[in-house]
Amino acid sequence: MAKDALKFKEHASDFVNCFNPESEKFVRLMAAEHRTIQQAFTKLCLQWLEKVADEDYQTDGRNAASHVVAMQMLEAWNLNQDLKPSQMLPMI
């Protein structure tokens, strides 16, 4: 399983590293995936945002805006919820 995570990380890094013009196509393709896969992918994205918002997340000028936006999103979420966003999604 760890190998799968490493491979996915490498593919995702390669995809986003070149400011890929196909990101909108990726979003459309993911929206056409099996609904359970969509649910799992959404949870992964939420877990990533939670990590980026964490106080211990290391930033510099390249990712500081991501940290700020993720923190703001979670702060807005926490005004109305006791759970993290990723905890709201059941695995079907």
N, C-alpha and C. Protein backbone atom coordinates (compact mmCIF):
# COMPACT_ATOMS: atom_id res chain seq x y z
N MET A 1 0.82 -1.20 0.00
CA MET A 1 0.00 0.00 0.00
C MET A 1 0.86 1.26 0.00
N ALA A 2 1.96 1.25 0.74
CA ALA A 2 2.84 2.42 0.77
C ALA A 2 3.40 2.72 -0.61
N LYS A 3 3.65 1.66 -1.39
CA LYS A 3 4.15 1.87 -2.75
C LYS A 3 3.10 2.57 -3.60
N ASP A 4 1.82 2.21 -3.41
CA ASP A 4 0.74 2.86 -4.15
C ASP A 4 0.68 4.35 -3.82
N ALA A 5 0.81 4.69 -2.55
CA ALA A 5 0.77 6.10 -2.14
C ALA A 5 1.95 6.86 -2.75
N LEU A 6 3.11 6.25 -2.75
CA LEU A 6 4.29 6.89 -3.33
C LEU A 6 4.12 7.10 -4.83
N LYS A 7 3.60 6.08 -5.51
CA LYS A 7 3.38 6.21 -6.96
C LYS A 7 2.36 7.31 -7.26
N PHE A 8 1.27 7.34 -6.50
CA PHE A 8 0.26 8.37 -6.72
C PHE A 8 0.84 9.76 -6.46
N LYS A 9 1.62 9.89 -5.39
CA LYS A 9 2.24 11.17 -5.07
C LYS A 9 3.14 11.63 -6.21
N GLU A 10 3.91 10.70 -6.77
CA GLU A 10 4.81 11.04 -7.87
C GLU A 10 4.03 11.47 -9.11
N HIS A 11 2.97 10.73 -9.45
CA HIS A 11 2.15 11.09 -10.61
C HIS A 11 1.44 12.43 -10.39
N ALA A 12 0.90 12.64 -9.20
CA ALA A 12 0.22 13.90 -8.90
C ALA A 12 1.22 15.06 -8.94
N SER A 13 2.40 14.86 -8.39
CA SER A 13 3.43 15.90 -8.42
C SER A 13 3.80 16.25 -9.85
N ASP A 14 4.01 15.23 -10.68
CA ASP A 14 4.34 15.48 -12.09
C ASP A 14 3.22 16.23 -12.78
N PHE A 15 1.98 15.86 -12.50
CA PHE A 15 0.83 16.48 -13.15
C PHE A 15 0.73 17.96 -12.81
N VAL A 16 0.86 18.30 -11.55
CA VAL A 16 0.68 19.70 -11.15
C VAL A 16 1.95 20.53 -11.31
N ASN A 17 3.11 19.91 -11.39
CA ASN A 17 4.37 20.63 -11.46
C ASN A 17 4.52 21.47 -12.72
N CYS A 18 3.87 21.08 -13.80
CA CYS A 18 4.05 21.80 -15.06
C CYS A 18 2.86 22.73 -15.35
N PHE A 19 2.14 23.14 -14.30
CA PHE A 19 0.98 24.01 -14.49
C PHE A 19 0.10 23.43 -15.60
N ASN A 20 -0.24 22.19 -15.43
CA ASN A 20 -0.90 21.40 -16.46
C ASN A 20 -2.17 22.05 -16.98
N PRO A 21 -2.21 22.31 -18.28
CA PRO A 21 -3.42 22.89 -18.87
C PRO A 21 -4.59 21.90 -18.91
N GLU A 22 -4.33 20.65 -18.56
CA GLU A 22 -5.39 19.64 -18.59
C GLU A 22 -6.06 19.46 -17.23
N SER A 23 -5.84 20.38 -16.30
CA SER A 23 -6.46 20.22 -14.98
C SER A 23 -7.98 20.24 -15.06
N GLU A 24 -8.54 21.08 -15.93
CA GLU A 24 -10.00 21.11 -16.08
C GLU A 24 -10.49 19.79 -16.67
N LYS A 25 -9.72 19.22 -17.59
CA LYS A 25 -10.08 17.92 -18.16
C LYS A 25 -10.04 16.85 -17.06
N PHE A 26 -9.03 16.91 -16.20
CA PHE A 26 -8.95 15.97 -15.10
C PHE A 26 -10.20 16.06 -14.22
N VAL A 27 -10.62 17.27 -13.92
CA VAL A 27 -11.81 17.46 -13.08
C VAL A 27 -13.03 16.85 -13.75
N ARG A 28 -13.19 17.07 -15.05
CA ARG A 28 -14.33 16.48 -15.78
C ARG A 28 -14.25 14.95 -15.76
N LEU A 29 -13.05 14.41 -15.97
CA LEU A 29 -12.89 12.95 -15.97
C LEU A 29 -13.18 12.36 -14.59
N MET A 30 -12.71 13.04 -13.55
CA MET A 30 -12.97 12.55 -12.20
C MET A 30 -14.46 12.59 -11.89
N ALA A 31 -15.15 13.60 -12.39
CA ALA A 31 -16.59 13.72 -12.17
C ALA A 31 -17.36 12.60 -12.87
N ALA A 32 -16.74 11.96 -13.84
CA ALA A 32 -17.39 10.85 -14.56
C ALA A 32 -17.02 9.49 -13.96
N GLU A 33 -16.15 9.49 -12.96
CA GLU A 33 -15.73 8.24 -12.32
C GLU A 33 -16.88 7.64 -11.51
N HIS A 34 -16.69 6.40 -11.09
CA HIS A 34 -17.64 5.73 -10.22
C HIS A 34 -17.87 6.59 -8.98
N ARG A 35 -19.09 6.65 -8.51
CA ARG A 35 -19.45 7.54 -7.41
C ARG A 35 -18.65 7.25 -6.13
N THR A 36 -18.35 6.00 -5.86
CA THR A 36 -17.56 5.67 -4.68
C THR A 36 -16.14 6.20 -4.82
N ILE A 37 -15.58 6.14 -6.02
CA ILE A 37 -14.25 6.69 -6.26
C ILE A 37 -14.28 8.21 -6.08
N GLN A 38 -15.34 8.85 -6.55
CA GLN A 38 -15.47 10.29 -6.35
C GLN A 38 -15.47 10.63 -4.86
N GLN A 39 -16.21 9.84 -4.09
CA GLN A 39 -16.31 10.06 -2.64
C GLN A 39 -14.93 9.92 -1.99
N ALA A 40 -14.19 8.87 -2.36
CA ALA A 40 -12.87 8.64 -1.78
C ALA A 40 -11.89 9.75 -2.19
N PHE A 41 -11.98 10.21 -3.43
CA PHE A 41 -11.09 11.28 -3.89
C PHE A 41 -11.41 12.59 -3.18
N THR A 42 -12.68 12.87 -2.97
CA THR A 42 -13.07 14.07 -2.24
C THR A 42 -12.52 14.03 -0.82
N LYS A 43 -12.61 12.88 -0.18
CA LYS A 43 -12.07 12.74 1.18
C LYS A 43 -10.56 12.98 1.17
N LEU A 44 -9.85 12.44 0.20
CA LEU A 44 -8.41 12.66 0.09
C LEU A 44 -8.10 14.16 -0.05
N CYS A 45 -8.86 14.84 -0.90
CA CYS A 45 -8.65 16.29 -1.09
C CYS A 45 -8.90 17.05 0.21
N LEU A 46 -9.93 16.68 0.94
CA LEU A 46 -10.22 17.34 2.22
C LEU A 46 -9.12 17.07 3.24
N GLN A 47 -8.61 15.84 3.27
CA GLN A 47 -7.52 15.52 4.18
C GLN A 47 -6.28 16.35 3.84
N TRP A 48 -6.03 16.55 2.55
CA TRP A 48 -4.90 17.38 2.14
C TRP A 48 -5.09 18.82 2.63
N LEU A 49 -6.29 19.37 2.44
CA LEU A 49 -6.55 20.74 2.91
C LEU A 49 -6.37 20.85 4.42
N GLU A 50 -6.80 19.84 5.15
CA GLU A 50 -6.62 19.84 6.60
C GLU A 50 -5.13 19.85 6.96
N LYS A 51 -4.34 19.09 6.22
CA LYS A 51 -2.90 19.06 6.46
C LYS A 51 -2.27 20.42 6.16
N VAL A 52 -2.64 21.02 5.04
CA VAL A 52 -2.08 22.31 4.64
C VAL A 52 -2.47 23.39 5.65
N ALA A 53 -3.63 23.27 6.27
CA ALA A 53 -4.09 24.25 7.26
C ALA A 53 -3.45 24.06 8.63
N ASP A 54 -2.82 22.94 8.86
CA ASP A 54 -2.23 22.63 10.16
C ASP A 54 -1.15 23.65 10.54
N GLU A 55 -1.10 24.00 11.81
CA GLU A 55 -0.11 24.97 12.29
C GLU A 55 1.32 24.50 12.06
N ASP A 56 1.54 23.19 12.05
CA ASP A 56 2.88 22.64 11.87
C ASP A 56 3.29 22.52 10.41
N TYR A 57 2.39 22.86 9.48
CA TYR A 57 2.69 22.77 8.06
C TYR A 57 3.75 23.82 7.72
N GLN A 58 4.84 23.39 7.12
CA GLN A 58 5.94 24.30 6.81
C GLN A 58 5.66 25.07 5.53
N THR A 59 5.86 26.38 5.59
CA THR A 59 5.60 27.23 4.43
C THR A 59 6.79 28.10 4.10
N ASP A 60 6.81 28.55 2.88
CA ASP A 60 7.69 29.61 2.43
C ASP A 60 6.89 30.38 1.38
N GLY A 61 7.52 31.23 0.63
CA GLY A 61 6.81 32.07 -0.33
C GLY A 61 6.06 31.30 -1.40
N ARG A 62 6.44 30.04 -1.62
CA ARG A 62 5.81 29.25 -2.69
C ARG A 62 4.48 28.63 -2.27
N ASN A 63 4.30 28.38 -0.99
CA ASN A 63 3.06 27.72 -0.57
C ASN A 63 2.34 28.43 0.57
N ALA A 64 2.78 29.64 0.91
CA ALA A 64 2.15 30.38 2.02
C ALA A 64 0.68 30.68 1.74
N ALA A 65 0.37 31.04 0.50
CA ALA A 65 -1.03 31.36 0.17
C ALA A 65 -1.92 30.12 0.33
N SER A 66 -1.42 28.96 -0.04
CA SER A 66 -2.19 27.72 0.15
C SER A 66 -2.50 27.50 1.62
N HIS A 67 -1.51 27.74 2.46
CA HIS A 67 -1.69 27.58 3.90
C HIS A 67 -2.75 28.53 4.43
N VAL A 68 -2.67 29.79 4.02
CA VAL A 68 -3.63 30.79 4.48
C VAL A 68 -5.05 30.45 4.02
N VAL A 69 -5.20 30.11 2.76
CA VAL A 69 -6.53 29.78 2.22
C VAL A 69 -7.09 28.55 2.92
N ALA A 70 -6.27 27.52 3.10
CA ALA A 70 -6.73 26.30 3.78
C ALA A 70 -7.15 26.60 5.22
N MET A 71 -6.36 27.44 5.91
CA MET A 71 -6.74 27.83 7.28
C MET A 71 -8.06 28.58 7.30
N GLN A 72 -8.25 29.49 6.35
CA GLN A 72 -9.50 30.25 6.29
C GLN A 72 -10.69 29.34 6.00
N MET A 73 -10.50 28.38 5.12
CA MET A 73 -11.57 27.44 4.81
C MET A 73 -11.97 26.64 6.04
N LEU A 74 -10.98 26.13 6.76
CA LEU A 74 -11.29 25.34 7.95
C LEU A 74 -11.87 26.19 9.07
N GLU A 75 -11.40 27.42 9.20
CA GLU A 75 -11.98 28.32 10.21
C GLU A 75 -13.45 28.57 9.92
N ALA A 76 -13.79 28.81 8.66
CA ALA A 76 -15.19 29.02 8.27
C ALA A 76 -16.00 27.75 8.53
N TRP A 77 -15.42 26.61 8.23
CA TRP A 77 -16.10 25.34 8.46
C TRP A 77 -16.35 25.14 9.95
N ASN A 78 -15.34 25.43 10.76
CA ASN A 78 -15.42 25.18 12.20
C ASN A 78 -16.41 26.08 12.91
N LEU A 79 -16.85 27.15 12.28
CA LEU A 79 -17.87 27.99 12.89
C LEU A 79 -19.18 27.24 13.05
N ASN A 80 -19.39 26.24 12.20
CA ASN A 80 -20.67 25.53 12.19
C ASN A 80 -20.56 24.04 12.47
N GLN A 81 -19.37 23.52 12.60
CA GLN A 81 -19.20 22.07 12.71
C GLN A 81 -18.18 21.74 13.79
N ASP A 82 -18.34 20.58 14.41
CA ASP A 82 -17.37 20.09 15.37
C ASP A 82 -16.38 19.11 14.75
N LEU A 83 -16.69 18.65 13.55
CA LEU A 83 -15.85 17.66 12.88
C LEU A 83 -15.04 18.30 11.76
N LYS A 84 -13.92 17.67 11.42
CA LYS A 84 -13.17 18.09 10.25
C LYS A 84 -14.00 17.72 9.01
N PRO A 85 -13.81 18.46 7.92
CA PRO A 85 -14.58 18.15 6.71
C PRO A 85 -14.44 16.70 6.26
N SER A 86 -13.22 16.15 6.33
CA SER A 86 -13.02 14.77 5.87
C SER A 86 -13.76 13.75 6.74
N GLN A 87 -14.06 14.12 7.99
CA GLN A 87 -14.76 13.21 8.88
C GLN A 87 -16.26 13.17 8.59
N MET A 88 -16.74 14.09 7.78
CA MET A 88 -18.17 14.15 7.44
C MET A 88 -18.55 13.16 6.35
N LEU A 89 -17.56 12.65 5.63
CA LEU A 89 -17.84 11.77 4.50
C LEU A 89 -17.76 10.30 4.92
N PRO A 90 -18.84 9.58 4.77
CA PRO A 90 -18.77 8.14 5.05
C PRO A 90 -18.09 7.43 3.88
N MET A 91 -17.48 6.31 4.15
CA MET A 91 -16.95 5.48 3.07
C MET A 91 -17.99 4.44 2.74
N ILE A 92 -18.47 4.48 1.52
CA ILE A 92 -19.56 3.59 1.11
C ILE A 92 -18.99 2.34 0.45
